[in-house]
Amino acid sequence: MSDSLMFWATVLGLVIIVALSWYIVVHVRALRQQKRKRAELQRQAEKKAREQRQYLIDSIRVISRAMSEDEKMTLTEGCIRLKVLLDNLMPELHHNPDFTIISVHYEATRHIPYLKEWKSLERSQQRRYRHEMDRLEQENRAALLLAAAKLHEYPLDRMH
């Protein structure tokens, strides 16, 4: 083989090596950037999940305290709110004997319209539902207040 052919083959080989090295470096940088971006998105998602969890815990604490201290919140309204919050935070607490009354009361009153549907009811229908809620709240009052008190003190922030 001639010297000039060897020279050009060597140059071509070096060009190919440099091009492939550049290609590898560019892709390694892109992969590192993607990895950093994924890690940042993961951190943001975990932070948001922690904030959402804390919001649920704080809401449960406020509502469970309000059930016994705030005359504006009915026991039925408290049960509806607690049921939804517990569903999102720790659904297994519905099976805890201390808190089953919340689900029981919720199920007994879930057919009763609320918010916009309540406002659209005729007064006679509202009175009928109000009587039913009052009766159920009287029957379950002691158990609901006890469950709310226990839930307020329950170590929700230590549970996962």
N, C-alpha and C. Protein backbone atom coordinates (compact mmCIF):
# COMPACT_ATOMS: atom_id res chain seq x y z
N MET A 1 0.83 -1.15 0.00
CA MET A 1 0.00 0.00 0.00
C MET A 1 0.89 1.24 0.00
N SER A 2 0.45 2.23 -0.73
CA SER A 2 1.27 3.43 -0.86
C SER A 2 1.14 4.29 0.39
N ASP A 3 2.16 5.12 0.58
CA ASP A 3 2.17 6.00 1.75
C ASP A 3 1.01 6.99 1.72
N SER A 4 0.69 7.52 0.54
CA SER A 4 -0.40 8.51 0.48
C SER A 4 -1.75 7.85 0.79
N LEU A 5 -1.93 6.61 0.35
CA LEU A 5 -3.17 5.89 0.65
C LEU A 5 -3.27 5.63 2.16
N MET A 6 -2.16 5.25 2.77
CA MET A 6 -2.13 5.03 4.21
C MET A 6 -2.42 6.33 4.96
N PHE A 7 -1.84 7.41 4.46
CA PHE A 7 -2.06 8.71 5.07
C PHE A 7 -3.54 9.07 5.04
N TRP A 8 -4.18 8.94 3.89
CA TRP A 8 -5.59 9.30 3.74
C TRP A 8 -6.51 8.34 4.52
N ALA A 9 -6.13 7.10 4.60
CA ALA A 9 -6.91 6.14 5.39
C ALA A 9 -6.83 6.49 6.88
N THR A 10 -5.63 6.90 7.30
CA THR A 10 -5.44 7.31 8.69
C THR A 10 -6.24 8.57 8.99
N VAL A 11 -6.17 9.54 8.08
CA VAL A 11 -6.93 10.78 8.25
C VAL A 11 -8.42 10.47 8.30
N LEU A 12 -8.90 9.63 7.38
CA LEU A 12 -10.31 9.26 7.36
C LEU A 12 -10.69 8.55 8.68
N GLY A 13 -9.85 7.66 9.16
CA GLY A 13 -10.11 6.98 10.43
C GLY A 13 -10.18 7.96 11.59
N LEU A 14 -9.25 8.93 11.60
CA LEU A 14 -9.26 9.94 12.67
C LEU A 14 -10.52 10.80 12.59
N VAL A 15 -10.92 11.17 11.37
CA VAL A 15 -12.15 11.97 11.21
C VAL A 15 -13.35 11.19 11.72
N ILE A 16 -13.40 9.91 11.39
CA ILE A 16 -14.52 9.07 11.85
C ILE A 16 -14.49 8.96 13.38
N ILE A 17 -13.29 8.75 13.94
CA ILE A 17 -13.17 8.66 15.40
C ILE A 17 -13.61 9.96 16.06
N VAL A 18 -13.17 11.11 15.53
CA VAL A 18 -13.55 12.41 16.10
C VAL A 18 -15.06 12.61 15.97
N ALA A 19 -15.63 12.27 14.83
CA ALA A 19 -17.07 12.45 14.62
C ALA A 19 -17.87 11.57 15.57
N LEU A 20 -17.45 10.32 15.72
CA LEU A 20 -18.16 9.42 16.64
C LEU A 20 -17.99 9.87 18.09
N SER A 21 -16.79 10.35 18.43
CA SER A 21 -16.57 10.86 19.79
C SER A 21 -17.46 12.07 20.06
N TRP A 22 -17.54 12.96 19.10
CA TRP A 22 -18.41 14.13 19.25
C TRP A 22 -19.85 13.69 19.41
N TYR A 23 -20.30 12.73 18.58
CA TYR A 23 -21.66 12.20 18.64
C TYR A 23 -21.94 11.61 20.03
N ILE A 24 -20.98 10.84 20.55
CA ILE A 24 -21.14 10.22 21.87
C ILE A 24 -21.22 11.29 22.96
N VAL A 25 -20.33 12.29 22.89
CA VAL A 25 -20.34 13.35 23.90
C VAL A 25 -21.67 14.10 23.89
N VAL A 26 -22.16 14.44 22.71
CA VAL A 26 -23.44 15.15 22.60
C VAL A 26 -24.57 14.32 23.20
N HIS A 27 -24.61 13.05 22.91
CA HIS A 27 -25.68 12.21 23.42
C HIS A 27 -25.54 11.93 24.92
N VAL A 28 -24.34 11.80 25.41
CA VAL A 28 -24.14 11.62 26.85
C VAL A 28 -24.61 12.87 27.59
N ARG A 29 -24.28 14.05 27.05
CA ARG A 29 -24.76 15.29 27.66
C ARG A 29 -26.28 15.36 27.65
N ALA A 30 -26.88 14.99 26.53
CA ALA A 30 -28.35 15.01 26.43
C ALA A 30 -28.97 14.04 27.44
N LEU A 31 -28.38 12.85 27.59
CA LEU A 31 -28.88 11.88 28.56
C LEU A 31 -28.74 12.39 29.98
N ARG A 32 -27.62 13.05 30.28
CA ARG A 32 -27.45 13.62 31.62
C ARG A 32 -28.48 14.72 31.88
N GLN A 33 -28.71 15.54 30.86
CA GLN A 33 -29.72 16.60 30.99
C GLN A 33 -31.11 16.00 31.22
N GLN A 34 -31.44 14.97 30.47
CA GLN A 34 -32.72 14.30 30.67
C GLN A 34 -32.83 13.71 32.07
N LYS A 35 -31.73 13.12 32.54
CA LYS A 35 -31.73 12.53 33.88
C LYS A 35 -31.92 13.61 34.93
N ARG A 36 -31.25 14.75 34.78
CA ARG A 36 -31.42 15.86 35.73
C ARG A 36 -32.85 16.38 35.68
N LYS A 37 -33.39 16.50 34.48
CA LYS A 37 -34.76 16.99 34.32
C LYS A 37 -35.75 16.02 34.97
N ARG A 38 -35.57 14.72 34.74
CA ARG A 38 -36.44 13.72 35.36
C ARG A 38 -36.33 13.77 36.88
N ALA A 39 -35.12 13.93 37.39
CA ALA A 39 -34.93 14.00 38.84
C ALA A 39 -35.61 15.24 39.40
N GLU A 40 -35.52 16.36 38.69
CA GLU A 40 -36.18 17.59 39.14
C GLU A 40 -37.70 17.43 39.11
N LEU A 41 -38.23 16.83 38.06
CA LEU A 41 -39.67 16.59 37.97
C LEU A 41 -40.12 15.65 39.09
N GLN A 42 -39.29 14.66 39.40
CA GLN A 42 -39.60 13.73 40.49
C GLN A 42 -39.63 14.48 41.81
N ARG A 43 -38.64 15.35 42.05
CA ARG A 43 -38.60 16.13 43.29
C ARG A 43 -39.83 17.03 43.39
N GLN A 44 -40.21 17.66 42.28
CA GLN A 44 -41.38 18.53 42.28
C GLN A 44 -42.65 17.73 42.57
N ALA A 45 -42.76 16.56 41.95
CA ALA A 45 -43.94 15.71 42.18
C ALA A 45 -44.00 15.24 43.63
N GLU A 46 -42.86 14.88 44.20
CA GLU A 46 -42.83 14.46 45.60
C GLU A 46 -43.19 15.62 46.52
N LYS A 47 -42.69 16.81 46.20
CA LYS A 47 -43.00 17.99 47.02
C LYS A 47 -44.50 18.28 46.95
N LYS A 48 -45.06 18.22 45.74
CA LYS A 48 -46.49 18.47 45.59
C LYS A 48 -47.31 17.41 46.34
N ALA A 49 -46.88 16.17 46.28
CA ALA A 49 -47.58 15.09 47.00
C ALA A 49 -47.52 15.33 48.51
N ARG A 50 -46.34 15.75 49.01
CA ARG A 50 -46.22 16.06 50.45
C ARG A 50 -47.14 17.22 50.83
N GLU A 51 -47.17 18.26 49.99
CA GLU A 51 -48.03 19.41 50.27
C GLU A 51 -49.50 19.01 50.25
N GLN A 52 -49.89 18.19 49.28
CA GLN A 52 -51.28 17.73 49.17
C GLN A 52 -51.63 16.88 50.39
N ARG A 53 -50.73 16.01 50.78
CA ARG A 53 -50.96 15.17 51.96
C ARG A 53 -51.13 16.03 53.20
N GLN A 54 -50.27 17.04 53.35
CA GLN A 54 -50.36 17.92 54.52
C GLN A 54 -51.66 18.71 54.50
N TYR A 55 -52.08 19.13 53.30
CA TYR A 55 -53.35 19.85 53.17
C TYR A 55 -54.51 18.95 53.63
N LEU A 56 -54.49 17.69 53.22
CA LEU A 56 -55.54 16.75 53.62
C LEU A 56 -55.52 16.56 55.15
N ILE A 57 -54.34 16.38 55.71
CA ILE A 57 -54.22 16.19 57.16
C ILE A 57 -54.74 17.42 57.90
N ASP A 58 -54.30 18.60 57.46
CA ASP A 58 -54.75 19.83 58.11
C ASP A 58 -56.27 19.98 57.99
N SER A 59 -56.82 19.67 56.83
CA SER A 59 -58.26 19.77 56.63
C SER A 59 -59.02 18.80 57.53
N ILE A 60 -58.51 17.59 57.66
CA ILE A 60 -59.14 16.60 58.54
C ILE A 60 -59.13 17.10 59.97
N ARG A 61 -58.02 17.65 60.39
CA ARG A 61 -57.92 18.17 61.76
C ARG A 61 -58.91 19.32 61.99
N VAL A 62 -58.99 20.25 61.05
CA VAL A 62 -59.89 21.40 61.19
C VAL A 62 -61.34 20.93 61.23
N ILE A 63 -61.72 20.05 60.32
CA ILE A 63 -63.11 19.60 60.23
C ILE A 63 -63.48 18.75 61.45
N SER A 64 -62.58 17.87 61.86
CA SER A 64 -62.91 17.03 63.03
C SER A 64 -63.06 17.89 64.29
N ARG A 65 -62.27 18.95 64.40
CA ARG A 65 -62.44 19.86 65.55
C ARG A 65 -63.73 20.66 65.40
N ALA A 66 -64.01 21.12 64.19
CA ALA A 66 -65.21 21.94 63.96
C ALA A 66 -66.49 21.15 64.21
N MET A 67 -66.45 19.85 64.02
CA MET A 67 -67.67 19.05 64.25
C MET A 67 -68.15 19.18 65.70
N SER A 68 -67.23 19.36 66.62
CA SER A 68 -67.65 19.49 68.02
C SER A 68 -67.68 20.93 68.50
N GLU A 69 -66.95 21.82 67.84
CA GLU A 69 -66.85 23.20 68.33
C GLU A 69 -67.63 24.23 67.53
N ASP A 70 -67.89 23.95 66.26
CA ASP A 70 -68.51 24.95 65.39
C ASP A 70 -69.98 24.60 65.17
N GLU A 71 -70.85 25.45 65.65
CA GLU A 71 -72.29 25.18 65.51
C GLU A 71 -72.77 25.31 64.08
N LYS A 72 -71.99 25.99 63.24
CA LYS A 72 -72.40 26.16 61.84
C LYS A 72 -72.21 24.88 61.02
N MET A 73 -71.28 24.02 61.45
CA MET A 73 -71.04 22.78 60.71
C MET A 73 -71.86 21.66 61.34
N THR A 74 -72.73 21.09 60.54
CA THR A 74 -73.53 19.96 61.05
C THR A 74 -72.65 18.71 61.06
N LEU A 75 -73.07 17.74 61.82
CA LEU A 75 -72.34 16.48 61.86
C LEU A 75 -72.37 15.80 60.50
N THR A 76 -73.49 15.94 59.80
CA THR A 76 -73.60 15.35 58.47
C THR A 76 -72.62 16.00 57.51
N GLU A 77 -72.54 17.32 57.53
CA GLU A 77 -71.59 18.01 56.65
C GLU A 77 -70.16 17.59 56.99
N GLY A 78 -69.86 17.50 58.28
CA GLY A 78 -68.54 17.06 58.70
C GLY A 78 -68.22 15.67 58.20
N CYS A 79 -69.20 14.77 58.28
CA CYS A 79 -69.00 13.39 57.81
C CYS A 79 -68.75 13.34 56.30
N ILE A 80 -69.50 14.13 55.56
CA ILE A 80 -69.31 14.16 54.11
C ILE A 80 -67.89 14.61 53.79
N ARG A 81 -67.47 15.69 54.43
CA ARG A 81 -66.13 16.22 54.18
C ARG A 81 -65.04 15.25 54.63
N LEU A 82 -65.21 14.68 55.83
CA LEU A 82 -64.19 13.75 56.33
C LEU A 82 -64.11 12.50 55.46
N LYS A 83 -65.26 12.01 55.03
CA LYS A 83 -65.26 10.80 54.17
C LYS A 83 -64.44 11.04 52.92
N VAL A 84 -64.65 12.17 52.25
CA VAL A 84 -63.92 12.47 51.03
C VAL A 84 -62.42 12.65 51.32
N LEU A 85 -62.10 13.36 52.38
CA LEU A 85 -60.69 13.57 52.73
C LEU A 85 -60.00 12.25 53.08
N LEU A 86 -60.67 11.42 53.86
CA LEU A 86 -60.08 10.13 54.22
C LEU A 86 -59.94 9.22 53.00
N ASP A 87 -60.91 9.29 52.09
CA ASP A 87 -60.80 8.52 50.85
C ASP A 87 -59.52 8.88 50.11
N ASN A 88 -59.16 10.15 50.15
CA ASN A 88 -57.97 10.61 49.43
C ASN A 88 -56.68 10.41 50.21
N LEU A 89 -56.77 10.42 51.52
CA LEU A 89 -55.56 10.31 52.34
C LEU A 89 -55.26 8.86 52.72
N MET A 90 -56.20 8.23 53.40
CA MET A 90 -55.98 6.88 53.91
C MET A 90 -57.31 6.12 53.94
N PRO A 91 -57.74 5.57 52.83
CA PRO A 91 -59.04 4.88 52.78
C PRO A 91 -59.15 3.74 53.80
N GLU A 92 -58.03 3.17 54.18
CA GLU A 92 -58.08 2.05 55.14
C GLU A 92 -58.59 2.49 56.51
N LEU A 93 -58.55 3.79 56.81
CA LEU A 93 -59.08 4.26 58.10
C LEU A 93 -60.59 4.06 58.21
N HIS A 94 -61.27 3.92 57.08
CA HIS A 94 -62.71 3.66 57.13
C HIS A 94 -63.00 2.32 57.81
N HIS A 95 -62.01 1.43 57.83
CA HIS A 95 -62.20 0.11 58.46
C HIS A 95 -61.75 0.09 59.91
N ASN A 96 -61.16 1.19 60.35
CA ASN A 96 -60.75 1.29 61.75
C ASN A 96 -62.03 1.44 62.59
N PRO A 97 -62.22 0.58 63.59
CA PRO A 97 -63.47 0.64 64.38
C PRO A 97 -63.75 2.00 65.00
N ASP A 98 -62.71 2.78 65.27
CA ASP A 98 -62.91 4.12 65.84
C ASP A 98 -63.58 5.07 64.85
N PHE A 99 -63.45 4.79 63.54
CA PHE A 99 -63.91 5.75 62.54
C PHE A 99 -64.98 5.21 61.59
N THR A 100 -65.43 3.98 61.78
CA THR A 100 -66.44 3.42 60.86
C THR A 100 -67.75 4.21 60.89
N ILE A 101 -68.05 4.84 62.01
CA ILE A 101 -69.30 5.60 62.12
C ILE A 101 -69.35 6.73 61.08
N ILE A 102 -68.20 7.25 60.71
CA ILE A 102 -68.16 8.32 59.70
C ILE A 102 -68.69 7.79 58.37
N SER A 103 -68.22 6.61 57.98
CA SER A 103 -68.70 6.00 56.73
C SER A 103 -70.17 5.59 56.84
N VAL A 104 -70.54 5.05 58.01
CA VAL A 104 -71.93 4.62 58.22
C VAL A 104 -72.86 5.82 58.09
N HIS A 105 -72.52 6.92 58.74
CA HIS A 105 -73.36 8.12 58.68
C HIS A 105 -73.37 8.70 57.27
N TYR A 106 -72.22 8.70 56.63
CA TYR A 106 -72.13 9.19 55.25
C TYR A 106 -73.06 8.38 54.34
N GLU A 107 -72.98 7.07 54.45
CA GLU A 107 -73.82 6.20 53.60
C GLU A 107 -75.30 6.43 53.87
N ALA A 108 -75.66 6.69 55.13
CA ALA A 108 -77.06 6.90 55.49
C ALA A 108 -77.59 8.23 54.96
N THR A 109 -76.68 9.16 54.67
CA THR A 109 -77.13 10.51 54.24
C THR A 109 -76.69 10.86 52.82
N ARG A 110 -76.04 9.97 52.13
CA ARG A 110 -75.49 10.31 50.81
C ARG A 110 -76.56 10.60 49.76
N HIS A 111 -77.76 10.14 49.98
CA HIS A 111 -78.86 10.40 49.03
C HIS A 111 -79.41 11.82 49.16
N ILE A 112 -79.04 12.50 50.22
CA ILE A 112 -79.56 13.84 50.46
C ILE A 112 -78.77 14.84 49.61
N PRO A 113 -79.47 15.63 48.80
CA PRO A 113 -78.77 16.61 47.96
C PRO A 113 -78.06 17.67 48.80
N TYR A 114 -77.00 18.24 48.25
CA TYR A 114 -76.32 19.32 48.94
C TYR A 114 -75.82 20.34 47.92
N LEU A 115 -75.36 21.46 48.42
CA LEU A 115 -74.89 22.59 47.63
C LEU A 115 -75.99 23.08 46.69
N LYS A 116 -75.71 23.11 45.40
CA LYS A 116 -76.68 23.66 44.43
C LYS A 116 -77.97 22.85 44.40
N GLU A 117 -77.82 21.53 44.50
CA GLU A 117 -79.02 20.69 44.46
C GLU A 117 -79.91 20.98 45.68
N TRP A 118 -79.30 21.22 46.84
CA TRP A 118 -80.06 21.54 48.05
C TRP A 118 -80.81 22.84 47.86
N LYS A 119 -80.14 23.83 47.32
CA LYS A 119 -80.77 25.14 47.14
C LYS A 119 -81.92 25.10 46.14
N SER A 120 -81.86 24.15 45.21
CA SER A 120 -82.92 24.06 44.21
C SER A 120 -84.14 23.27 44.71
N LEU A 121 -84.02 22.65 45.89
CA LEU A 121 -85.15 21.89 46.44
C LEU A 121 -86.24 22.84 46.94
N GLU A 122 -87.46 22.35 46.92
CA GLU A 122 -88.56 23.10 47.53
C GLU A 122 -88.37 23.05 49.04
N ARG A 123 -88.94 24.04 49.71
CA ARG A 123 -88.79 24.13 51.18
C ARG A 123 -89.30 22.87 51.87
N SER A 124 -90.38 22.30 51.37
CA SER A 124 -90.93 21.10 52.02
C SER A 124 -89.94 19.93 51.90
N GLN A 125 -89.28 19.81 50.76
CA GLN A 125 -88.28 18.75 50.60
C GLN A 125 -87.08 19.00 51.51
N GLN A 126 -86.67 20.26 51.59
CA GLN A 126 -85.56 20.60 52.48
C GLN A 126 -85.90 20.24 53.93
N ARG A 127 -87.13 20.58 54.34
CA ARG A 127 -87.55 20.26 55.71
C ARG A 127 -87.55 18.75 55.95
N ARG A 128 -88.02 17.99 54.99
CA ARG A 128 -88.05 16.53 55.12
C ARG A 128 -86.62 15.98 55.27
N TYR A 129 -85.73 16.44 54.41
CA TYR A 129 -84.34 15.99 54.49
C TYR A 129 -83.68 16.49 55.78
N ARG A 130 -83.98 17.72 56.18
CA ARG A 130 -83.42 18.28 57.41
C ARG A 130 -83.86 17.44 58.61
N HIS A 131 -85.15 17.03 58.62
CA HIS A 131 -85.67 16.18 59.70
C HIS A 131 -84.92 14.85 59.71
N GLU A 132 -84.71 14.27 58.54
CA GLU A 132 -83.99 13.00 58.45
C GLU A 132 -82.54 13.16 58.95
N MET A 133 -81.88 14.24 58.55
CA MET A 133 -80.51 14.48 59.01
C MET A 133 -80.47 14.69 60.52
N ASP A 134 -81.42 15.45 61.05
CA ASP A 134 -81.47 15.70 62.49
C ASP A 134 -81.64 14.40 63.26
N ARG A 135 -82.52 13.55 62.75
CA ARG A 135 -82.77 12.26 63.42
C ARG A 135 -81.50 11.40 63.41
N LEU A 136 -80.84 11.32 62.24
CA LEU A 136 -79.62 10.53 62.14
C LEU A 136 -78.49 11.12 62.98
N GLU A 137 -78.40 12.44 63.00
CA GLU A 137 -77.36 13.08 63.81
C GLU A 137 -77.60 12.82 65.30
N GLN A 138 -78.86 12.83 65.72
CA GLN A 138 -79.17 12.53 67.13
C GLN A 138 -78.80 11.09 67.47
N GLU A 139 -79.13 10.17 66.57
CA GLU A 139 -78.82 8.76 66.80
C GLU A 139 -77.31 8.53 66.88
N ASN A 140 -76.56 9.22 66.04
CA ASN A 140 -75.12 8.96 65.91
C ASN A 140 -74.24 10.00 66.62
N ARG A 141 -74.86 10.96 67.27
CA ARG A 141 -74.13 12.11 67.82
C ARG A 141 -72.93 11.72 68.68
N ALA A 142 -73.15 10.91 69.67
CA ALA A 142 -72.06 10.55 70.59
C ALA A 142 -70.93 9.84 69.85
N ALA A 143 -71.29 8.89 69.00
CA ALA A 143 -70.26 8.13 68.26
C ALA A 143 -69.51 9.03 67.28
N LEU A 144 -70.25 9.94 66.62
CA LEU A 144 -69.60 10.85 65.66
C LEU A 144 -68.66 11.82 66.37
N LEU A 145 -69.07 12.35 67.49
CA LEU A 145 -68.21 13.28 68.23
C LEU A 145 -66.97 12.57 68.77
N LEU A 146 -67.15 11.34 69.22
CA LEU A 146 -66.01 10.56 69.69
C LEU A 146 -65.05 10.27 68.53
N ALA A 147 -65.60 9.86 67.39
CA ALA A 147 -64.76 9.58 66.21
C ALA A 147 -64.02 10.84 65.76
N ALA A 148 -64.71 11.97 65.76
CA ALA A 148 -64.08 13.23 65.36
C ALA A 148 -62.95 13.59 66.32
N ALA A 149 -63.18 13.42 67.61
CA ALA A 149 -62.14 13.72 68.60
C ALA A 149 -60.94 12.80 68.41
N LYS A 150 -61.19 11.53 68.21
CA LYS A 150 -60.08 10.59 67.99
C LYS A 150 -59.35 10.88 66.69
N LEU A 151 -60.09 11.24 65.66
CA LEU A 151 -59.48 11.55 64.37
C LEU A 151 -58.62 12.81 64.48
N HIS A 152 -59.08 13.76 65.26
CA HIS A 152 -58.30 15.00 65.45
C HIS A 152 -56.95 14.69 66.08
N GLU A 153 -56.90 13.71 66.97
CA GLU A 153 -55.66 13.35 67.67
C GLU A 153 -54.88 12.23 66.98
N TYR A 154 -55.47 11.62 65.97
CA TYR A 154 -54.84 10.47 65.30
C TYR A 154 -53.54 10.93 64.63
N PRO A 155 -52.49 10.12 64.70
CA PRO A 155 -51.18 10.52 64.13
C PRO A 155 -51.14 10.38 62.60
N LEU A 156 -51.96 11.14 61.93
CA LEU A 156 -52.04 11.04 60.47
C LEU A 156 -50.73 11.40 59.79
N ASP A 157 -50.00 12.35 60.37
CA ASP A 157 -48.76 12.77 59.73
C ASP A 157 -47.63 11.75 59.87
N ARG A 158 -47.81 10.78 60.73
CA ARG A 158 -46.81 9.73 60.87
C ARG A 158 -47.17 8.48 60.07
N MET A 159 -48.34 8.48 59.47
CA MET A 159 -48.82 7.32 58.71
C MET A 159 -48.53 7.55 57.23
N HIS A 160 -48.32 6.44 56.51
CA HIS A 160 -48.11 6.56 55.06
C HIS A 160 -48.99 5.62 54.33
